[in-house]
Each structure stands twice: as C-alpha cells, then as structure tokens.
Amino acid sequence: ASGLLPICLGEATKLSGFLLAADKRYR
C-alpha cells in the first residue's frame, strides 16, 4: 500500500493512539 502515514515526533507520540482509533479512507 501507499498513501497517508501520519508520523508523530516527540510529544506527538502521546497522541498517536487517538489517530490509531480514527476512521480511515482508502482507494
């Protein structure tokens, strides 16, 4: 697969779980 892979750096890693739980869209 290709496409959107949000990368969290530093303190943003504490918020990655909220994006893991988010809806996704694919083609």
mmCIF file of all heavy atoms, coordinates in Angstrom:
data_MODEL
# 
_entry.id   MODEL 
# 
loop_
_atom_site.group_PDB 
_atom_site.id 
_atom_site.type_symbol 
_atom_site.label_atom_id 
_atom_site.label_alt_id 
_atom_site.label_comp_id 
_atom_site.label_asym_id 
_atom_site.label_entity_id 
_atom_site.label_seq_id 
_atom_site.pdbx_PDB_ins_code 
_atom_site.Cartn_x 
_atom_site.Cartn_y 
_atom_site.Cartn_z 
_atom_site.occupancy 
_atom_site.B_iso_or_equiv 
_atom_site.pdbx_formal_charge 
_atom_site.auth_seq_id 
_atom_site.auth_comp_id 
_atom_site.auth_asym_id 
_atom_site.auth_atom_id 
_atom_site.pdbx_PDB_model_num 
ATOM 1   N N   . ALA A 1 1  ? 0.823   -1.213 0.000  1.00 0.00 ? 1  ALA A N   1 
ATOM 2   C CA  . ALA A 1 1  ? 0.000   0.000  0.000  1.00 0.00 ? 1  ALA A CA  1 
ATOM 3   C C   . ALA A 1 1  ? 0.852   1.256  0.000  1.00 0.00 ? 1  ALA A C   1 
ATOM 4   O O   . ALA A 1 1  ? 1.985   1.280  0.488  1.00 0.00 ? 1  ALA A O   1 
ATOM 5   C CB  . ALA A 1 1  ? -0.920  -0.002 1.216  1.00 0.00 ? 1  ALA A CB  1 
ATOM 6   N N   . SER A 1 2  ? 0.257   2.329  -0.517 1.00 0.00 ? 2  SER A N   1 
ATOM 7   C CA  . SER A 1 2  ? 0.874   3.655  -0.470 1.00 0.00 ? 2  SER A CA  1 
ATOM 8   C C   . SER A 1 2  ? -0.093  4.609  0.224  1.00 0.00 ? 2  SER A C   1 
ATOM 9   O O   . SER A 1 2  ? -1.217  4.256  0.554  1.00 0.00 ? 2  SER A O   1 
ATOM 10  C CB  . SER A 1 2  ? 1.181   4.152  -1.886 1.00 0.00 ? 2  SER A CB  1 
ATOM 11  O OG  . SER A 1 2  ? -0.033  4.414  -2.594 1.00 0.00 ? 2  SER A OG  1 
ATOM 12  N N   . GLY A 1 3  ? 0.377   5.832  0.419  1.00 0.00 ? 3  GLY A N   1 
ATOM 13  C CA  . GLY A 1 3  ? -0.526  6.865  0.906  1.00 0.00 ? 3  GLY A CA  1 
ATOM 14  C C   . GLY A 1 3  ? -0.239  7.346  2.306  1.00 0.00 ? 3  GLY A C   1 
ATOM 15  O O   . GLY A 1 3  ? 0.875   7.205  2.828  1.00 0.00 ? 3  GLY A O   1 
ATOM 16  N N   . LEU A 1 4  ? -1.256  7.914  2.921  1.00 0.00 ? 4  LEU A N   1 
ATOM 17  C CA  . LEU A 1 4  ? -1.097  8.702  4.135  1.00 0.00 ? 4  LEU A CA  1 
ATOM 18  C C   . LEU A 1 4  ? -0.673  7.853  5.339  1.00 0.00 ? 4  LEU A C   1 
ATOM 19  O O   . LEU A 1 4  ? -1.387  6.950  5.763  1.00 0.00 ? 4  LEU A O   1 
ATOM 20  C CB  . LEU A 1 4  ? -2.408  9.426  4.443  1.00 0.00 ? 4  LEU A CB  1 
ATOM 21  C CG  . LEU A 1 4  ? -2.416  10.326 5.673  1.00 0.00 ? 4  LEU A CG  1 
ATOM 22  C CD1 . LEU A 1 4  ? -1.323  11.390 5.590  1.00 0.00 ? 4  LEU A CD1 1 
ATOM 23  C CD2 . LEU A 1 4  ? -3.775  10.994 5.829  1.00 0.00 ? 4  LEU A CD2 1 
ATOM 24  N N   . LEU A 1 5  ? 0.487   8.192  5.885  1.00 0.00 ? 5  LEU A N   1 
ATOM 25  C CA  . LEU A 1 5  ? 1.000   7.581  7.106  1.00 0.00 ? 5  LEU A CA  1 
ATOM 26  C C   . LEU A 1 5  ? 1.447   8.723  8.020  1.00 0.00 ? 5  LEU A C   1 
ATOM 27  O O   . LEU A 1 5  ? 2.581   9.196  7.931  1.00 0.00 ? 5  LEU A O   1 
ATOM 28  C CB  . LEU A 1 5  ? 2.178   6.650  6.796  1.00 0.00 ? 5  LEU A CB  1 
ATOM 29  C CG  . LEU A 1 5  ? 2.756   5.891  7.999  1.00 0.00 ? 5  LEU A CG  1 
ATOM 30  C CD1 . LEU A 1 5  ? 1.763   4.857  8.520  1.00 0.00 ? 5  LEU A CD1 1 
ATOM 31  C CD2 . LEU A 1 5  ? 4.073   5.220  7.641  1.00 0.00 ? 5  LEU A CD2 1 
ATOM 32  N N   . PRO A 1 6  ? 0.557   9.211  8.889  1.00 0.00 ? 6  PRO A N   1 
ATOM 33  C CA  . PRO A 1 6  ? 0.974   10.281 9.800  1.00 0.00 ? 6  PRO A CA  1 
ATOM 34  C C   . PRO A 1 6  ? 2.088   9.791  10.730 1.00 0.00 ? 6  PRO A C   1 
ATOM 35  O O   . PRO A 1 6  ? 1.973   8.738  11.350 1.00 0.00 ? 6  PRO A O   1 
ATOM 36  C CB  . PRO A 1 6  ? -0.304  10.608 10.584 1.00 0.00 ? 6  PRO A CB  1 
ATOM 37  C CG  . PRO A 1 6  ? -1.427  10.127 9.718  1.00 0.00 ? 6  PRO A CG  1 
ATOM 38  C CD  . PRO A 1 6  ? -0.883  8.906  9.036  1.00 0.00 ? 6  PRO A CD  1 
ATOM 39  N N   . ILE A 1 7  ? 3.166   10.582 10.802 1.00 0.00 ? 7  ILE A N   1 
ATOM 40  C CA  . ILE A 1 7  ? 4.294   10.273 11.663 1.00 0.00 ? 7  ILE A CA  1 
ATOM 41  C C   . ILE A 1 7  ? 4.296   11.263 12.820 1.00 0.00 ? 7  ILE A C   1 
ATOM 42  O O   . ILE A 1 7  ? 4.301   12.475 12.599 1.00 0.00 ? 7  ILE A O   1 
ATOM 43  C CB  . ILE A 1 7  ? 5.632   10.372 10.909 1.00 0.00 ? 7  ILE A CB  1 
ATOM 44  C CG1 . ILE A 1 7  ? 5.659   9.436  9.684  1.00 0.00 ? 7  ILE A CG1 1 
ATOM 45  C CG2 . ILE A 1 7  ? 6.797   10.080 11.843 1.00 0.00 ? 7  ILE A CG2 1 
ATOM 46  C CD1 . ILE A 1 7  ? 5.736   7.981  9.992  1.00 0.00 ? 7  ILE A CD1 1 
ATOM 47  N N   . CYS A 1 8  ? 4.275   10.751 14.041 1.00 0.00 ? 8  CYS A N   1 
ATOM 48  C CA  . CYS A 1 8  ? 4.267   11.589 15.235 1.00 0.00 ? 8  CYS A CA  1 
ATOM 49  C C   . CYS A 1 8  ? 5.685   11.674 15.791 1.00 0.00 ? 8  CYS A C   1 
ATOM 50  O O   . CYS A 1 8  ? 6.313   10.636 16.046 1.00 0.00 ? 8  CYS A O   1 
ATOM 51  C CB  . CYS A 1 8  ? 3.328   11.012 16.286 1.00 0.00 ? 8  CYS A CB  1 
ATOM 52  S SG  . CYS A 1 8  ? 1.590   11.032 15.799 1.00 0.00 ? 8  CYS A SG  1 
ATOM 53  N N   . LEU A 1 9  ? 6.170   12.898 16.000 1.00 0.00 ? 9  LEU A N   1 
ATOM 54  C CA  . LEU A 1 9  ? 7.509   13.123 16.532 1.00 0.00 ? 9  LEU A CA  1 
ATOM 55  C C   . LEU A 1 9  ? 7.416   13.742 17.924 1.00 0.00 ? 9  LEU A C   1 
ATOM 56  O O   . LEU A 1 9  ? 6.555   14.584 18.190 1.00 0.00 ? 9  LEU A O   1 
ATOM 57  C CB  . LEU A 1 9  ? 8.299   14.049 15.607 1.00 0.00 ? 9  LEU A CB  1 
ATOM 58  C CG  . LEU A 1 9  ? 8.451   13.599 14.150 1.00 0.00 ? 9  LEU A CG  1 
ATOM 59  C CD1 . LEU A 1 9  ? 9.134   14.683 13.324 1.00 0.00 ? 9  LEU A CD1 1 
ATOM 60  C CD2 . LEU A 1 9  ? 9.236   12.300 14.064 1.00 0.00 ? 9  LEU A CD2 1 
ATOM 61  N N   . GLY A 1 10 ? 8.313   13.322 18.814 1.00 0.00 ? 10 GLY A N   1 
ATOM 62  C CA  . GLY A 1 10 ? 8.372   13.913 20.144 1.00 0.00 ? 10 GLY A CA  1 
ATOM 63  C C   . GLY A 1 10 ? 7.105   13.685 20.935 1.00 0.00 ? 10 GLY A C   1 
ATOM 64  O O   . GLY A 1 10 ? 6.576   12.572 21.007 1.00 0.00 ? 10 GLY A O   1 
ATOM 65  N N   . GLU A 1 11 ? 6.580   14.769 21.538 1.00 0.00 ? 11 GLU A N   1 
ATOM 66  C CA  . GLU A 1 11 ? 5.383   14.682 22.369 1.00 0.00 ? 11 GLU A CA  1 
ATOM 67  C C   . GLU A 1 11 ? 4.154   14.234 21.578 1.00 0.00 ? 11 GLU A C   1 
ATOM 68  O O   . GLU A 1 11 ? 3.188   13.742 22.161 1.00 0.00 ? 11 GLU A O   1 
ATOM 69  C CB  . GLU A 1 11 ? 5.108   16.033 23.030 1.00 0.00 ? 11 GLU A CB  1 
ATOM 70  C CG  . GLU A 1 11 ? 6.023   16.365 24.182 1.00 0.00 ? 11 GLU A CG  1 
ATOM 71  C CD  . GLU A 1 11 ? 5.780   15.453 25.377 1.00 0.00 ? 11 GLU A CD  1 
ATOM 72  O OE1 . GLU A 1 11 ? 4.808   15.688 26.119 1.00 0.00 ? 11 GLU A OE1 1 
ATOM 73  O OE2 . GLU A 1 11 ? 6.566   14.503 25.559 1.00 0.00 ? 11 GLU A OE2 1 
ATOM 74  N N   . ALA A 1 12 ? 4.186   14.382 20.266 1.00 0.00 ? 12 ALA A N   1 
ATOM 75  C CA  . ALA A 1 12 ? 3.053   13.942 19.447 1.00 0.00 ? 12 ALA A CA  1 
ATOM 76  C C   . ALA A 1 12 ? 2.828   12.443 19.533 1.00 0.00 ? 12 ALA A C   1 
ATOM 77  O O   . ALA A 1 12 ? 1.716   11.960 19.280 1.00 0.00 ? 12 ALA A O   1 
ATOM 78  C CB  . ALA A 1 12 ? 3.257   14.358 17.987 1.00 0.00 ? 12 ALA A CB  1 
ATOM 79  N N   . THR A 1 13 ? 3.871   11.683 19.930 1.00 0.00 ? 13 THR A N   1 
ATOM 80  C CA  . THR A 1 13 ? 3.696   10.236 20.068 1.00 0.00 ? 13 THR A CA  1 
ATOM 81  C C   . THR A 1 13 ? 2.657   9.904  21.146 1.00 0.00 ? 13 THR A C   1 
ATOM 82  O O   . THR A 1 13 ? 2.056   8.831  21.117 1.00 0.00 ? 13 THR A O   1 
ATOM 83  C CB  . THR A 1 13 ? 5.027   9.542  20.408 1.00 0.00 ? 13 THR A CB  1 
ATOM 84  O OG1 . THR A 1 13 ? 5.570   10.103 21.610 1.00 0.00 ? 13 THR A OG1 1 
ATOM 85  C CG2 . THR A 1 13 ? 6.034   9.717  19.280 1.00 0.00 ? 13 THR A CG2 1 
ATOM 86  N N   . LYS A 1 14 ? 2.433   10.816 22.098 1.00 0.00 ? 14 LYS A N   1 
ATOM 87  C CA  . LYS A 1 14 ? 1.422   10.584 23.129 1.00 0.00 ? 14 LYS A CA  1 
ATOM 88  C C   . LYS A 1 14 ? 0.004   10.645 22.567 1.00 0.00 ? 14 LYS A C   1 
ATOM 89  O O   . LYS A 1 14 ? -0.941  10.206 23.222 1.00 0.00 ? 14 LYS A O   1 
ATOM 90  C CB  . LYS A 1 14 ? 1.576   11.615 24.246 1.00 0.00 ? 14 LYS A CB  1 
ATOM 91  C CG  . LYS A 1 14 ? 2.861   11.484 25.040 1.00 0.00 ? 14 LYS A CG  1 
ATOM 92  C CD  . LYS A 1 14 ? 2.933   12.524 26.143 1.00 0.00 ? 14 LYS A CD  1 
ATOM 93  C CE  . LYS A 1 14 ? 4.192   12.353 26.982 1.00 0.00 ? 14 LYS A CE  1 
ATOM 94  N NZ  . LYS A 1 14 ? 4.284   13.379 28.044 1.00 0.00 ? 14 LYS A NZ  1 
ATOM 95  N N   . LEU A 1 15 ? -0.133  11.216 21.366 1.00 0.00 ? 15 LEU A N   1 
ATOM 96  C CA  . LEU A 1 15 ? -1.450  11.368 20.757 1.00 0.00 ? 15 LEU A CA  1 
ATOM 97  C C   . LEU A 1 15 ? -1.694  10.352 19.653 1.00 0.00 ? 15 LEU A C   1 
ATOM 98  O O   . LEU A 1 15 ? -2.767  10.341 19.050 1.00 0.00 ? 15 LEU A O   1 
ATOM 99  C CB  . LEU A 1 15 ? -1.597  12.787 20.199 1.00 0.00 ? 15 LEU A CB  1 
ATOM 100 C CG  . LEU A 1 15 ? -1.343  13.921 21.202 1.00 0.00 ? 15 LEU A CG  1 
ATOM 101 C CD1 . LEU A 1 15 ? -1.382  15.270 20.490 1.00 0.00 ? 15 LEU A CD1 1 
ATOM 102 C CD2 . LEU A 1 15 ? -2.350  13.875 22.335 1.00 0.00 ? 15 LEU A CD2 1 
ATOM 103 N N   . SER A 1 16 ? -0.701  9.497  19.376 1.00 0.00 ? 16 SER A N   1 
ATOM 104 C CA  . SER A 1 16 ? -0.835  8.577  18.244 1.00 0.00 ? 16 SER A CA  1 
ATOM 105 C C   . SER A 1 16 ? -1.998  7.614  18.431 1.00 0.00 ? 16 SER A C   1 
ATOM 106 O O   . SER A 1 16 ? -2.627  7.185  17.461 1.00 0.00 ? 16 SER A O   1 
ATOM 107 C CB  . SER A 1 16 ? 0.470   7.812  18.021 1.00 0.00 ? 16 SER A CB  1 
ATOM 108 O OG  . SER A 1 16 ? 0.810   7.054  19.173 1.00 0.00 ? 16 SER A OG  1 
ATOM 109 N N   . GLY A 1 17 ? -2.308  7.267  19.673 1.00 0.00 ? 17 GLY A N   1 
ATOM 110 C CA  . GLY A 1 17 ? -3.416  6.352  19.930 1.00 0.00 ? 17 GLY A CA  1 
ATOM 111 C C   . GLY A 1 17 ? -4.753  6.884  19.458 1.00 0.00 ? 17 GLY A C   1 
ATOM 112 O O   . GLY A 1 17 ? -5.630  6.128  19.029 1.00 0.00 ? 17 GLY A O   1 
ATOM 113 N N   . PHE A 1 18 ? -4.930  8.215  19.520 1.00 0.00 ? 18 PHE A N   1 
ATOM 114 C CA  . PHE A 1 18 ? -6.188  8.800  19.067 1.00 0.00 ? 18 PHE A CA  1 
ATOM 115 C C   . PHE A 1 18 ? -6.321  8.684  17.547 1.00 0.00 ? 18 PHE A C   1 
ATOM 116 O O   . PHE A 1 18 ? -7.425  8.521  17.021 1.00 0.00 ? 18 PHE A O   1 
ATOM 117 C CB  . PHE A 1 18 ? -6.275  10.272 19.501 1.00 0.00 ? 18 PHE A CB  1 
ATOM 118 C CG  . PHE A 1 18 ? -6.281  10.445 20.990 1.00 0.00 ? 18 PHE A CG  1 
ATOM 119 C CD1 . PHE A 1 18 ? -5.137  10.819 21.673 1.00 0.00 ? 18 PHE A CD1 1 
ATOM 120 C CD2 . PHE A 1 18 ? -7.436  10.201 21.727 1.00 0.00 ? 18 PHE A CD2 1 
ATOM 121 C CE1 . PHE A 1 18 ? -5.134  10.973 23.052 1.00 0.00 ? 18 PHE A CE1 1 
ATOM 122 C CE2 . PHE A 1 18 ? -7.454  10.343 23.111 1.00 0.00 ? 18 PHE A CE2 1 
ATOM 123 C CZ  . PHE A 1 18 ? -6.298  10.724 23.773 1.00 0.00 ? 18 PHE A CZ  1 
ATOM 124 N N   . LEU A 1 19 ? -5.188  8.756  16.836 1.00 0.00 ? 19 LEU A N   1 
ATOM 125 C CA  . LEU A 1 19 ? -5.226  8.574  15.383 1.00 0.00 ? 19 LEU A CA  1 
ATOM 126 C C   . LEU A 1 19 ? -5.352  7.098  15.017 1.00 0.00 ? 19 LEU A C   1 
ATOM 127 O O   . LEU A 1 19 ? -5.977  6.758  14.012 1.00 0.00 ? 19 LEU A O   1 
ATOM 128 C CB  . LEU A 1 19 ? -3.979  9.177  14.741 1.00 0.00 ? 19 LEU A CB  1 
ATOM 129 C CG  . LEU A 1 19 ? -3.908  10.710 14.772 1.00 0.00 ? 19 LEU A CG  1 
ATOM 130 C CD1 . LEU A 1 19 ? -2.555  11.197 14.285 1.00 0.00 ? 19 LEU A CD1 1 
ATOM 131 C CD2 . LEU A 1 19 ? -5.024  11.328 13.939 1.00 0.00 ? 19 LEU A CD2 1 
ATOM 132 N N   . LEU A 1 20 ? -4.788  6.221  15.832 1.00 0.00 ? 20 LEU A N   1 
ATOM 133 C CA  . LEU A 1 20 ? -4.969  4.782  15.604 1.00 0.00 ? 20 LEU A CA  1 
ATOM 134 C C   . LEU A 1 20 ? -6.450  4.413  15.646 1.00 0.00 ? 20 LEU A C   1 
ATOM 135 O O   . LEU A 1 20 ? -6.909  3.547  14.909 1.00 0.00 ? 20 LEU A O   1 
ATOM 136 C CB  . LEU A 1 20 ? -4.216  3.982  16.675 1.00 0.00 ? 20 LEU A CB  1 
ATOM 137 C CG  . LEU A 1 20 ? -2.729  3.753  16.457 1.00 0.00 ? 20 LEU A CG  1 
ATOM 138 C CD1 . LEU A 1 20 ? -2.092  3.228  17.737 1.00 0.00 ? 20 LEU A CD1 1 
ATOM 139 C CD2 . LEU A 1 20 ? -2.491  2.777  15.318 1.00 0.00 ? 20 LEU A CD2 1 
ATOM 140 N N   . ALA A 1 21 ? -7.186  5.092  16.516 1.00 0.00 ? 21 ALA A N   1 
ATOM 141 C CA  . ALA A 1 21 ? -8.608  4.788  16.694 1.00 0.00 ? 21 ALA A CA  1 
ATOM 142 C C   . ALA A 1 21 ? -9.501  5.508  15.692 1.00 0.00 ? 21 ALA A C   1 
ATOM 143 O O   . ALA A 1 21 ? -10.713 5.284  15.677 1.00 0.00 ? 21 ALA A O   1 
ATOM 144 C CB  . ALA A 1 21 ? -9.033  5.154  18.116 1.00 0.00 ? 21 ALA A CB  1 
ATOM 145 N N   . ALA A 1 22 ? -8.921  6.351  14.856 1.00 0.00 ? 22 ALA A N   1 
ATOM 146 C CA  . ALA A 1 22 ? -9.718  7.177  13.945 1.00 0.00 ? 22 ALA A CA  1 
ATOM 147 C C   . ALA A 1 22 ? -10.166 6.396  12.711 1.00 0.00 ? 22 ALA A C   1 
ATOM 148 O O   . ALA A 1 22 ? -9.587  5.362  12.353 1.00 0.00 ? 22 ALA A O   1 
ATOM 149 C CB  . ALA A 1 22 ? -8.902  8.391  13.505 1.00 0.00 ? 22 ALA A CB  1 
ATOM 150 N N   . ASP A 1 23 ? -11.201 6.906  12.046 1.00 0.00 ? 23 ASP A N   1 
ATOM 151 C CA  . ASP A 1 23 ? -11.641 6.335  10.778 1.00 0.00 ? 23 ASP A CA  1 
ATOM 152 C C   . ASP A 1 23 ? -10.567 6.529  9.710  1.00 0.00 ? 23 ASP A C   1 
ATOM 153 O O   . ASP A 1 23 ? -9.744  7.451  9.782  1.00 0.00 ? 23 ASP A O   1 
ATOM 154 C CB  . ASP A 1 23 ? -12.936 7.007  10.311 1.00 0.00 ? 23 ASP A CB  1 
ATOM 155 C CG  . ASP A 1 23 ? -14.148 6.567  11.121 1.00 0.00 ? 23 ASP A CG  1 
ATOM 156 O OD1 . ASP A 1 23 ? -14.020 5.637  11.927 1.00 0.00 ? 23 ASP A OD1 1 
ATOM 157 O OD2 . ASP A 1 23 ? -15.225 7.162  10.941 1.00 0.00 ? 23 ASP A OD2 1 
ATOM 158 N N   . LYS A 1 24 ? -10.612 5.665  8.701  1.00 0.00 ? 24 LYS A N   1 
ATOM 159 C CA  . LYS A 1 24 ? -9.670  5.742  7.583  1.00 0.00 ? 24 LYS A CA  1 
ATOM 160 C C   . LYS A 1 24 ? -10.450 5.778  6.262  1.00 0.00 ? 24 LYS A C   1 
ATOM 161 O O   . LYS A 1 24 ? -11.600 5.350  6.191  1.00 0.00 ? 24 LYS A O   1 
ATOM 162 C CB  . LYS A 1 24 ? -8.738  4.520  7.573  1.00 0.00 ? 24 LYS A CB  1 
ATOM 163 C CG  . LYS A 1 24 ? -8.121  4.122  8.919  1.00 0.00 ? 24 LYS A CG  1 
ATOM 164 C CD  . LYS A 1 24 ? -7.163  5.127  9.458  1.00 0.00 ? 24 LYS A CD  1 
ATOM 165 C CE  . LYS A 1 24 ? -6.358  4.597  10.643 1.00 0.00 ? 24 LYS A CE  1 
ATOM 166 N NZ  . LYS A 1 24 ? -7.146  4.278  11.847 1.00 0.00 ? 24 LYS A NZ  1 
ATOM 167 N N   . ARG A 1 25 ? -9.787  6.269  5.218  1.00 0.00 ? 25 ARG A N   1 
ATOM 168 C CA  . ARG A 1 25 ? -10.371 6.258  3.878  1.00 0.00 ? 25 ARG A CA  1 
ATOM 169 C C   . ARG A 1 25 ? -9.321  5.714  2.905  1.00 0.00 ? 25 ARG A C   1 
ATOM 170 O O   . ARG A 1 25 ? -8.152  6.125  2.949  1.00 0.00 ? 25 ARG A O   1 
ATOM 171 C CB  . ARG A 1 25 ? -10.816 7.657  3.445  1.00 0.00 ? 25 ARG A CB  1 
ATOM 172 C CG  . ARG A 1 25 ? -11.592 7.666  2.125  1.00 0.00 ? 25 ARG A CG  1 
ATOM 173 C CD  . ARG A 1 25 ? -12.086 9.064  1.774  1.00 0.00 ? 25 ARG A CD  1 
ATOM 174 N NE  . ARG A 1 25 ? -13.139 9.511  2.664  1.00 0.00 ? 25 ARG A NE  1 
ATOM 175 C CZ  . ARG A 1 25 ? -14.434 9.265  2.479  1.00 0.00 ? 25 ARG A CZ  1 
ATOM 176 N NH1 . ARG A 1 25 ? -14.827 8.543  1.426  1.00 0.00 ? 25 ARG A NH1 1 
ATOM 177 N NH2 . ARG A 1 25 ? -15.328 9.731  3.332  1.00 0.00 ? 25 ARG A NH2 1 
ATOM 178 N N   . TYR A 1 26 ? -9.762  4.784  2.037  1.00 0.00 ? 26 TYR A N   1 
ATOM 179 C CA  . TYR A 1 26 ? -8.858  4.130  1.087  1.00 0.00 ? 26 TYR A CA  1 
ATOM 180 C C   . TYR A 1 26 ? -9.442  4.165  -0.317 1.00 0.00 ? 26 TYR A C   1 
ATOM 181 O O   . TYR A 1 26 ? -10.660 4.195  -0.495 1.00 0.00 ? 26 TYR A O   1 
ATOM 182 C CB  . TYR A 1 26 ? -8.650  2.649  1.454  1.00 0.00 ? 26 TYR A CB  1 
ATOM 183 C CG  . TYR A 1 26 ? -8.051  2.395  2.801  1.00 0.00 ? 26 TYR A CG  1 
ATOM 184 C CD1 . TYR A 1 26 ? -8.859  2.222  3.923  1.00 0.00 ? 26 TYR A CD1 1 
ATOM 185 C CD2 . TYR A 1 26 ? -6.674  2.301  2.959  1.00 0.00 ? 26 TYR A CD2 1 
ATOM 186 C CE1 . TYR A 1 26 ? -8.309  1.965  5.170  1.00 0.00 ? 26 TYR A CE1 1 
ATOM 187 C CE2 . TYR A 1 26 ? -6.118  2.036  4.209  1.00 0.00 ? 26 TYR A CE2 1 
ATOM 188 C CZ  . TYR A 1 26 ? -6.942  1.879  5.311  1.00 0.00 ? 26 TYR A CZ  1 
ATOM 189 O OH  . TYR A 1 26 ? -6.404  1.632  6.546  1.00 0.00 ? 26 TYR A OH  1 
ATOM 190 N N   . ARG A 1 27 ? -8.551  4.104  -1.298 1.00 0.00 ? 27 ARG A N   1 
ATOM 191 C CA  . ARG A 1 27 ? -8.931  3.808  -2.679 1.00 0.00 ? 27 ARG A CA  1 
ATOM 192 C C   . ARG A 1 27 ? -8.182  2.542  -3.078 1.00 0.00 ? 27 ARG A C   1 
ATOM 193 O O   . ARG A 1 27 ? -6.989  2.403  -2.822 1.00 0.00 ? 27 ARG A O   1 
ATOM 194 C CB  . ARG A 1 27 ? -8.571  4.965  -3.620 1.00 0.00 ? 27 ARG A CB  1 
ATOM 195 C CG  . ARG A 1 27 ? -9.016  4.725  -5.058 1.00 0.00 ? 27 ARG A CG  1 
ATOM 196 C CD  . ARG A 1 27 ? -8.915  6.001  -5.865 1.00 0.00 ? 27 ARG A CD  1 
ATOM 197 N NE  . ARG A 1 27 ? -9.852  7.000  -5.359 1.00 0.00 ? 27 ARG A NE  1 
ATOM 198 C CZ  . ARG A 1 27 ? -9.813  8.290  -5.653 1.00 0.00 ? 27 ARG A CZ  1 
ATOM 199 N NH1 . ARG A 1 27 ? -8.867  8.760  -6.438 1.00 0.00 ? 27 ARG A NH1 1 
ATOM 200 N NH2 . ARG A 1 27 ? -10.707 9.123  -5.152 1.00 0.00 ? 27 ARG A NH2 1 
# 
